[in-house]
């Protein structure tokens, strides 16, 4: 068994190109393995490097996957000189005085 390597929040964030706050959210949600140490200033969190890399490399169902995106249907071309849509006026309505 090999000894796990742990990273600070900042180093972990740099490694996976995310913010330190994102790493904190993963810790809070128990999504990644970490160690917590009490210090005079509060707590220090260290993230397990191999687990962090595995978390971001594992396939996650993403809606942004370009292979699964369907092409948007073009309903109507935009014409800036066209008449406004029904129900909309070119000028705003007069304010109501009470």
N, C-alpha and C. Protein backbone atom coordinates (compact mmCIF):
# COMPACT_ATOMS: atom_id res chain seq x y z
N UNK A 1 0.85 -1.18 0.00
CA UNK A 1 0.00 0.00 0.00
C UNK A 1 0.89 1.24 0.00
N UNK A 2 0.60 2.17 -0.87
CA UNK A 2 1.40 3.38 -0.94
C UNK A 2 0.75 4.47 -0.11
N UNK A 3 1.58 5.36 0.35
CA UNK A 3 1.10 6.48 1.15
C UNK A 3 0.44 7.51 0.24
N UNK A 4 -0.74 7.97 0.63
CA UNK A 4 -1.45 8.97 -0.17
C UNK A 4 -0.79 10.32 -0.03
N UNK A 5 -0.82 11.07 -1.11
CA UNK A 5 -0.29 12.42 -1.10
C UNK A 5 -1.45 13.39 -0.92
N UNK A 6 -1.28 14.33 0.00
CA UNK A 6 -2.33 15.30 0.27
C UNK A 6 -1.88 16.69 -0.17
N UNK A 7 -2.85 17.48 -0.63
CA UNK A 7 -2.59 18.83 -1.13
C UNK A 7 -3.40 19.84 -0.33
N UNK A 8 -2.88 21.06 -0.25
CA UNK A 8 -3.65 22.15 0.37
C UNK A 8 -4.81 22.50 -0.56
N UNK A 9 -5.77 23.26 -0.06
CA UNK A 9 -6.90 23.67 -0.89
C UNK A 9 -6.43 24.44 -2.12
N UNK A 10 -5.48 25.34 -1.92
CA UNK A 10 -4.99 26.15 -3.03
C UNK A 10 -4.28 25.29 -4.08
N UNK A 11 -3.44 24.37 -3.63
CA UNK A 11 -2.73 23.49 -4.56
C UNK A 11 -3.71 22.57 -5.29
N UNK A 12 -4.70 22.08 -4.57
CA UNK A 12 -5.71 21.21 -5.19
C UNK A 12 -6.49 21.98 -6.25
N UNK A 13 -6.84 23.22 -5.94
CA UNK A 13 -7.59 24.05 -6.89
C UNK A 13 -6.76 24.30 -8.15
N UNK A 14 -5.49 24.59 -7.98
CA UNK A 14 -4.61 24.81 -9.14
C UNK A 14 -4.47 23.55 -9.98
N UNK A 15 -4.38 22.42 -9.33
CA UNK A 15 -4.19 21.15 -10.04
C UNK A 15 -5.35 20.84 -10.98
N UNK A 16 -6.56 21.10 -10.55
CA UNK A 16 -7.74 20.76 -11.36
C UNK A 16 -8.37 21.98 -12.02
N UNK A 17 -7.70 23.12 -11.94
CA UNK A 17 -8.15 24.36 -12.57
C UNK A 17 -9.55 24.76 -12.10
N UNK A 18 -9.74 24.70 -10.79
CA UNK A 18 -11.00 25.13 -10.15
C UNK A 18 -10.65 26.12 -9.05
N UNK A 19 -11.65 26.74 -8.47
CA UNK A 19 -11.40 27.68 -7.37
C UNK A 19 -11.28 26.92 -6.05
N UNK A 20 -10.64 27.56 -5.08
CA UNK A 20 -10.53 26.97 -3.75
C UNK A 20 -11.92 26.78 -3.14
N UNK A 21 -12.84 27.69 -3.46
CA UNK A 21 -14.21 27.58 -2.95
C UNK A 21 -14.89 26.32 -3.50
N UNK A 22 -14.61 25.97 -4.75
CA UNK A 22 -15.17 24.75 -5.32
C UNK A 22 -14.66 23.53 -4.57
N UNK A 23 -13.37 23.54 -4.23
CA UNK A 23 -12.79 22.43 -3.48
C UNK A 23 -13.43 22.35 -2.09
N UNK A 24 -13.68 23.51 -1.46
CA UNK A 24 -14.36 23.53 -0.16
C UNK A 24 -15.76 22.91 -0.26
N UNK A 25 -16.47 23.24 -1.35
CA UNK A 25 -17.82 22.68 -1.54
C UNK A 25 -17.77 21.16 -1.68
N UNK A 26 -16.76 20.66 -2.38
CA UNK A 26 -16.61 19.22 -2.54
C UNK A 26 -16.33 18.56 -1.19
N UNK A 27 -15.52 19.22 -0.37
CA UNK A 27 -15.22 18.70 0.97
C UNK A 27 -16.49 18.69 1.80
N UNK A 28 -17.22 19.81 1.79
CA UNK A 28 -18.44 19.91 2.58
C UNK A 28 -19.47 18.87 2.16
N UNK A 29 -19.51 18.56 0.87
CA UNK A 29 -20.45 17.57 0.36
C UNK A 29 -19.92 16.14 0.43
N UNK A 30 -18.75 15.96 1.05
CA UNK A 30 -18.11 14.63 1.15
C UNK A 30 -17.95 13.96 -0.21
N UNK A 31 -17.62 14.75 -1.22
CA UNK A 31 -17.42 14.23 -2.57
C UNK A 31 -15.99 13.75 -2.79
N UNK A 32 -15.05 14.30 -2.02
CA UNK A 32 -13.64 13.92 -2.14
C UNK A 32 -13.09 13.62 -0.75
N UNK A 33 -12.01 12.85 -0.71
CA UNK A 33 -11.38 12.50 0.57
C UNK A 33 -10.48 13.65 1.03
N UNK A 34 -10.49 13.87 2.33
CA UNK A 34 -9.69 14.97 2.89
C UNK A 34 -9.30 14.64 4.32
N UNK A 35 -8.37 15.42 4.82
CA UNK A 35 -7.98 15.37 6.24
C UNK A 35 -8.19 16.77 6.80
N UNK A 36 -8.58 16.81 8.06
CA UNK A 36 -8.86 18.09 8.73
C UNK A 36 -7.96 18.19 9.95
N UNK A 37 -7.21 19.29 10.05
CA UNK A 37 -6.31 19.51 11.17
C UNK A 37 -6.66 20.81 11.87
N UNK A 38 -6.69 20.76 13.20
CA UNK A 38 -6.95 21.97 13.99
C UNK A 38 -5.67 22.76 14.09
N UNK A 39 -5.77 24.06 13.81
CA UNK A 39 -4.64 24.98 13.95
C UNK A 39 -5.08 26.14 14.83
N UNK A 40 -4.15 26.96 15.30
CA UNK A 40 -4.55 28.12 16.11
C UNK A 40 -5.50 29.07 15.38
N UNK A 41 -5.43 29.11 14.05
CA UNK A 41 -6.29 30.00 13.27
C UNK A 41 -7.64 29.38 12.91
N UNK A 42 -7.80 28.10 13.13
CA UNK A 42 -9.03 27.40 12.75
C UNK A 42 -8.69 25.99 12.30
N UNK A 43 -9.21 25.59 11.16
CA UNK A 43 -8.93 24.26 10.63
C UNK A 43 -8.21 24.37 9.29
N UNK A 44 -7.33 23.43 9.03
CA UNK A 44 -6.66 23.30 7.75
C UNK A 44 -7.15 22.02 7.11
N UNK A 45 -7.51 22.11 5.85
CA UNK A 45 -7.98 20.94 5.12
C UNK A 45 -6.94 20.54 4.09
N UNK A 46 -6.66 19.24 4.02
CA UNK A 46 -5.77 18.69 3.02
C UNK A 46 -6.56 17.68 2.21
N UNK A 47 -6.43 17.76 0.89
CA UNK A 47 -7.20 16.94 -0.02
C UNK A 47 -6.32 15.83 -0.58
N UNK A 48 -6.87 14.62 -0.65
CA UNK A 48 -6.13 13.49 -1.22
C UNK A 48 -6.01 13.68 -2.73
N UNK A 49 -4.79 13.76 -3.22
CA UNK A 49 -4.52 14.07 -4.62
C UNK A 49 -5.13 13.06 -5.58
N UNK A 50 -4.90 11.78 -5.35
CA UNK A 50 -5.39 10.76 -6.28
C UNK A 50 -6.92 10.74 -6.35
N UNK A 51 -7.58 10.96 -5.22
CA UNK A 51 -9.03 10.98 -5.19
C UNK A 51 -9.57 12.21 -5.93
N UNK A 52 -8.90 13.34 -5.77
CA UNK A 52 -9.30 14.57 -6.45
C UNK A 52 -9.20 14.40 -7.96
N UNK A 53 -8.08 13.86 -8.41
CA UNK A 53 -7.89 13.65 -9.85
C UNK A 53 -8.94 12.68 -10.38
N UNK A 54 -9.19 11.62 -9.64
CA UNK A 54 -10.19 10.64 -10.06
C UNK A 54 -11.58 11.28 -10.14
N UNK A 55 -11.92 12.15 -9.19
CA UNK A 55 -13.22 12.81 -9.19
C UNK A 55 -13.43 13.63 -10.45
N UNK A 56 -12.41 14.37 -10.88
CA UNK A 56 -12.56 15.23 -12.05
C UNK A 56 -12.34 14.50 -13.36
N UNK A 57 -11.75 13.32 -13.34
CA UNK A 57 -11.57 12.55 -14.57
C UNK A 57 -12.71 11.58 -14.81
N UNK A 58 -13.46 11.24 -13.77
CA UNK A 58 -14.54 10.28 -13.93
C UNK A 58 -15.63 10.88 -14.81
N UNK A 59 -16.24 10.05 -15.66
CA UNK A 59 -17.27 10.58 -16.55
C UNK A 59 -18.49 11.02 -15.76
N UNK A 60 -18.88 12.25 -15.97
CA UNK A 60 -20.06 12.82 -15.32
C UNK A 60 -21.05 13.13 -16.43
N UNK A 61 -22.30 12.81 -16.23
CA UNK A 61 -23.29 13.11 -17.25
C UNK A 61 -23.42 14.62 -17.35
N UNK A 62 -22.96 15.14 -18.47
CA UNK A 62 -23.00 16.58 -18.68
C UNK A 62 -24.00 16.90 -19.77
N UNK A 63 -24.81 17.89 -19.54
CA UNK A 63 -25.74 18.33 -20.56
C UNK A 63 -25.01 19.08 -21.66
N UNK A 64 -23.79 19.51 -21.38
CA UNK A 64 -23.03 20.29 -22.35
C UNK A 64 -22.27 19.40 -23.33
N UNK A 65 -22.42 18.10 -23.23
CA UNK A 65 -21.71 17.18 -24.11
C UNK A 65 -22.13 17.45 -25.55
N UNK A 66 -21.17 17.87 -26.37
CA UNK A 66 -21.49 18.30 -27.73
C UNK A 66 -22.06 17.18 -28.59
N UNK A 67 -21.75 15.93 -28.29
CA UNK A 67 -22.28 14.83 -29.08
C UNK A 67 -23.76 14.60 -28.82
N UNK A 68 -24.24 15.01 -27.66
CA UNK A 68 -25.63 14.76 -27.30
C UNK A 68 -26.54 15.96 -27.51
N UNK A 69 -25.96 17.08 -27.90
CA UNK A 69 -26.78 18.27 -28.09
C UNK A 69 -27.56 18.16 -29.40
N UNK A 70 -28.82 18.49 -29.34
CA UNK A 70 -29.61 18.54 -30.56
C UNK A 70 -29.54 19.95 -31.11
N UNK A 71 -29.58 20.04 -32.42
CA UNK A 71 -29.50 21.35 -33.04
C UNK A 71 -30.79 22.11 -32.76
N UNK A 72 -30.65 23.38 -32.41
CA UNK A 72 -31.82 24.20 -32.12
C UNK A 72 -32.59 24.47 -33.41
N UNK A 73 -33.88 24.46 -33.31
CA UNK A 73 -34.72 24.71 -34.48
C UNK A 73 -34.88 26.21 -34.66
N UNK A 74 -34.63 26.69 -35.88
CA UNK A 74 -34.78 28.10 -36.18
C UNK A 74 -36.25 28.37 -36.45
N UNK A 75 -36.85 29.18 -35.61
CA UNK A 75 -38.27 29.45 -35.74
C UNK A 75 -38.51 30.60 -36.71
N UNK A 76 -37.77 31.68 -36.54
CA UNK A 76 -37.97 32.84 -37.39
C UNK A 76 -36.70 33.68 -37.36
N UNK A 77 -36.34 34.22 -38.50
CA UNK A 77 -35.18 35.10 -38.57
C UNK A 77 -35.52 36.41 -37.87
N UNK A 78 -34.53 37.01 -37.24
CA UNK A 78 -34.73 38.30 -36.57
C UNK A 78 -34.60 39.42 -37.58
N UNK A 79 -35.59 40.29 -37.63
CA UNK A 79 -35.56 41.45 -38.52
C UNK A 79 -35.77 42.69 -37.66
N UNK A 80 -34.70 43.49 -37.46
CA UNK A 80 -34.83 44.66 -36.58
C UNK A 80 -35.82 45.69 -37.09
N UNK A 81 -36.12 45.71 -38.40
CA UNK A 81 -37.05 46.70 -38.94
C UNK A 81 -38.48 46.22 -38.98
N UNK A 82 -38.72 45.00 -38.55
CA UNK A 82 -40.07 44.43 -38.63
C UNK A 82 -40.98 45.06 -37.58
N UNK A 83 -42.26 44.91 -37.80
CA UNK A 83 -43.25 45.43 -36.85
C UNK A 83 -43.12 44.66 -35.54
N UNK A 84 -43.42 45.32 -34.43
CA UNK A 84 -43.32 44.64 -33.14
C UNK A 84 -44.33 43.50 -33.04
N UNK A 85 -44.04 42.57 -32.18
CA UNK A 85 -44.95 41.45 -31.96
C UNK A 85 -46.27 41.96 -31.42
N UNK A 86 -47.33 41.25 -31.72
CA UNK A 86 -48.64 41.69 -31.23
C UNK A 86 -48.63 41.72 -29.71
N UNK A 87 -49.26 42.73 -29.18
CA UNK A 87 -49.30 42.88 -27.73
C UNK A 87 -48.18 43.77 -27.21
N UNK A 88 -47.24 44.14 -28.06
CA UNK A 88 -46.14 45.00 -27.65
C UNK A 88 -46.21 46.29 -28.45
N UNK A 89 -46.03 47.40 -27.80
CA UNK A 89 -46.04 48.69 -28.47
C UNK A 89 -44.61 49.16 -28.66
N UNK A 90 -44.40 50.03 -29.68
CA UNK A 90 -43.06 50.57 -29.89
C UNK A 90 -42.68 51.55 -28.78
N UNK A 91 -43.65 52.23 -28.24
CA UNK A 91 -43.38 53.17 -27.16
C UNK A 91 -44.03 52.64 -25.89
N UNK A 92 -43.40 52.92 -24.76
CA UNK A 92 -43.98 52.42 -23.51
C UNK A 92 -45.31 53.12 -23.21
N UNK A 93 -46.19 52.47 -22.51
CA UNK A 93 -47.48 53.09 -22.18
C UNK A 93 -47.30 54.26 -21.22
N UNK A 94 -48.28 55.12 -21.23
CA UNK A 94 -48.26 56.28 -20.34
C UNK A 94 -48.38 55.80 -18.90
N UNK A 95 -47.66 56.45 -17.98
CA UNK A 95 -47.77 56.05 -16.57
C UNK A 95 -49.16 56.35 -16.03
N UNK A 96 -49.60 55.54 -15.12
CA UNK A 96 -50.91 55.71 -14.50
C UNK A 96 -50.74 56.60 -13.29
N UNK A 97 -51.56 57.65 -13.22
CA UNK A 97 -51.49 58.53 -12.05
C UNK A 97 -52.66 58.21 -11.13
N UNK A 98 -52.37 58.21 -9.88
CA UNK A 98 -53.39 57.86 -8.88
C UNK A 98 -53.85 59.07 -8.15
